């Protein structure tokens, strides 16, 4: 199938999977808790969005050169994606954190749920998504991850 011979696409997809997987040992090193749900969650270190768009842009540079129109499109796509990851999506996550705290404070204050403090976190009201976006350091590390992955693939395969 021709789709699978598209090396820039395959590298970008690999970068997403790699960045998502590597979140698990990074989080474990910090918290000493193994959380496999990170593989399918948004947010966290490194940014898989940044890894994907920078690996794609780097692969396009290898394939078509940095003076090509397609590289310009890929580069602008990468910049917009990473800007959004640190801007709107990160702020939405911060708002979700605040809303979660307000909701928890409300329940505790009203003391309407006697068993609330004894419940496990998974049993509580479904949490709003709080890992929507990325900190700038997460986007930067995701970008470096993507660039490194594309360089390694092109060094090996070309």
Protein backbone atom coordinates (compact mmCIF):
# COMPACT_ATOMS: atom_id res chain seq x y z
CA UNK A 1 0.00 0.00 0.00
CA UNK A 2 1.36 3.40 -0.99
CA UNK A 3 0.22 5.03 2.25
CA UNK A 4 2.66 2.90 4.26
CA UNK A 5 5.56 3.94 2.01
CA UNK A 6 5.06 7.59 2.96
CA UNK A 7 8.07 7.92 5.26
CA UNK A 8 7.24 11.39 6.67
CA UNK A 9 3.78 10.14 7.65
CA UNK A 10 5.14 6.94 9.22
CA UNK A 11 7.76 8.93 11.16
CA UNK A 12 5.10 11.34 12.47
CA UNK A 13 2.87 8.46 13.56
CA UNK A 14 5.81 6.76 15.26
CA UNK A 15 6.66 10.03 17.03
CA UNK A 16 3.14 10.19 18.47
CA UNK A 17 3.28 6.61 19.76
CA UNK A 18 6.81 7.07 21.11
CA UNK A 19 6.01 10.36 22.89
CA UNK A 20 2.83 8.89 24.39
CA UNK A 21 4.66 5.79 25.62
CA UNK A 22 7.63 7.66 27.09
CA UNK A 23 5.24 9.70 29.28
CA UNK A 24 4.71 6.58 31.40
CA UNK A 25 8.32 6.07 32.60
CA UNK A 26 8.84 9.83 32.94
CA UNK A 27 5.79 10.11 35.20
CA UNK A 28 6.90 7.00 37.11
CA UNK A 29 10.33 8.56 37.72
CA UNK A 30 8.66 11.64 39.19
CA UNK A 31 5.80 10.09 41.19
CA UNK A 32 6.81 6.43 41.63
CA UNK A 33 3.32 5.54 40.36
CA UNK A 34 2.80 3.54 37.17
CA UNK A 35 -0.09 5.05 35.20
CA UNK A 36 -0.79 3.30 31.88
CA UNK A 37 -3.68 5.69 31.18
CA UNK A 38 -1.08 8.31 30.23
CA UNK A 39 -0.58 6.43 26.95
CA UNK A 40 -3.99 7.59 25.74
CA UNK A 41 -4.29 10.90 27.59
CA UNK A 42 -3.58 14.42 26.44
CA UNK A 43 -1.02 16.68 28.06
CA UNK A 44 2.13 15.64 29.86
CA UNK A 45 5.84 15.38 29.08
CA UNK A 46 6.75 15.26 26.23
CA UNK A 47 4.04 16.69 24.01
CA UNK A 48 3.11 14.10 21.39
CA UNK A 49 1.53 16.85 19.31
CA UNK A 50 4.86 18.67 19.18
CA UNK A 51 6.73 15.45 18.49
CA UNK A 52 4.39 14.65 15.59
CA UNK A 53 4.49 18.03 13.88
CA UNK A 54 8.22 18.57 14.30
CA UNK A 55 9.09 15.07 13.11
CA UNK A 56 6.83 15.60 10.10
CA UNK A 57 8.39 19.00 9.38
CA UNK A 58 11.91 17.58 9.74
CA UNK A 59 11.05 14.65 7.47
CA UNK A 60 9.61 17.04 4.87
CA UNK A 61 12.86 19.02 5.06
CA UNK A 62 14.82 15.83 4.34
CA UNK A 63 12.50 14.87 1.47
CA UNK A 64 11.92 18.23 -0.21
CA UNK A 65 14.40 20.72 1.28
CA UNK A 66 13.83 23.73 3.48
CA UNK A 67 13.24 25.94 0.45
CA UNK A 68 10.16 23.98 -0.67
CA UNK A 69 6.57 25.14 -0.37
CA UNK A 70 5.58 21.92 1.39
CA UNK A 71 8.22 22.58 4.06
CA UNK A 72 6.77 26.06 4.60
CA UNK A 73 3.31 24.54 5.04
CA UNK A 74 4.60 21.90 7.45
CA UNK A 75 6.62 24.45 9.44
CA UNK A 76 3.66 26.81 9.84
CA UNK A 77 1.43 23.86 10.80
CA UNK A 78 3.99 22.91 13.46
CA UNK A 79 4.26 26.44 14.87
CA UNK A 80 0.47 26.87 15.07
CA UNK A 81 0.01 23.45 16.67
CA UNK A 82 2.68 24.08 19.32
CA UNK A 83 1.41 27.59 20.01
CA UNK A 84 -2.09 26.25 20.54
CA UNK A 85 -0.79 23.47 22.82
CA UNK A 86 0.80 26.03 25.15
CA UNK A 87 -1.93 28.64 24.84
CA UNK A 88 -5.61 27.89 24.57
CA UNK A 89 -5.43 24.19 25.45
CA UNK A 90 -3.16 24.77 28.47
CA UNK A 91 -5.44 27.51 29.80
CA UNK A 92 -8.50 25.27 29.33
CA UNK A 93 -6.74 22.66 31.46
CA UNK A 94 -6.00 25.23 34.15
CA UNK A 95 -9.65 26.29 34.18
CA UNK A 96 -10.68 22.65 34.51
CA UNK A 97 -8.41 22.32 37.55
CA UNK A 98 -10.07 25.34 39.16
CA UNK A 99 -13.56 24.07 38.38
CA UNK A 100 -12.68 20.67 39.86
CA UNK A 101 -11.42 22.34 43.03
CA UNK A 102 -14.50 24.54 43.30
CA UNK A 103 -16.76 21.53 42.88
CA UNK A 104 -14.87 19.57 45.53
CA UNK A 105 -14.91 22.54 47.92
CA UNK A 106 -18.64 22.97 47.40
CA UNK A 107 -19.39 19.37 48.29
CA UNK A 108 -17.20 19.47 51.36
CA UNK A 109 -18.65 22.78 52.48
CA UNK A 110 -22.26 21.69 52.15
CA UNK A 111 -21.49 18.32 53.75
CA UNK A 112 -24.35 16.85 51.74
CA UNK A 113 -22.41 13.72 50.95
CA UNK A 114 -21.32 12.06 54.16
CA UNK A 115 -19.32 9.36 52.38
CA UNK A 116 -17.57 11.75 49.97
CA UNK A 117 -14.25 11.97 51.87
CA UNK A 118 -14.01 8.18 52.16
CA UNK A 119 -14.53 7.53 48.45
CA UNK A 120 -11.64 6.80 46.15
CA UNK A 121 -10.94 9.41 43.53
CA UNK A 122 -12.23 7.09 40.78
CA UNK A 123 -15.57 6.84 42.55
CA UNK A 124 -16.10 10.58 42.76
CA UNK A 125 -17.96 12.57 40.16
CA UNK A 126 -16.28 12.19 36.77
CA UNK A 127 -13.48 14.69 36.66
CA UNK A 128 -13.19 17.32 33.99
CA UNK A 129 -10.23 16.77 31.71
CA UNK A 130 -7.34 18.66 33.30
CA UNK A 131 -4.50 17.64 30.99
CA UNK A 132 -5.75 19.33 27.83
CA UNK A 133 -2.66 21.32 27.03
CA UNK A 134 1.03 21.57 27.62
CA UNK A 135 3.50 23.68 29.50
CA UNK A 136 6.10 25.34 27.25
CA UNK A 137 8.76 22.90 28.48
CA UNK A 138 6.57 19.95 27.45
CA UNK A 139 6.09 21.41 23.97
CA UNK A 140 9.82 22.09 23.67
CA UNK A 141 10.73 18.54 24.70
CA UNK A 142 8.10 17.15 22.34
CA UNK A 143 9.57 19.22 19.52
CA UNK A 144 13.08 17.96 20.26
CA UNK A 145 11.74 14.39 20.42
CA UNK A 146 10.12 14.72 17.01
CA UNK A 147 13.17 16.25 15.38
CA UNK A 148 15.44 13.59 16.87
CA UNK A 149 13.16 10.77 15.71
CA UNK A 150 13.09 12.08 12.12
CA UNK A 151 16.88 12.55 12.06
CA UNK A 152 17.45 9.02 13.39
CA UNK A 153 15.08 7.47 10.84
CA UNK A 154 16.62 9.37 7.95
CA UNK A 155 20.14 8.54 9.13
CA UNK A 156 19.30 4.84 9.22
CA UNK A 157 17.09 4.57 6.14
CA UNK A 158 18.90 6.85 3.69
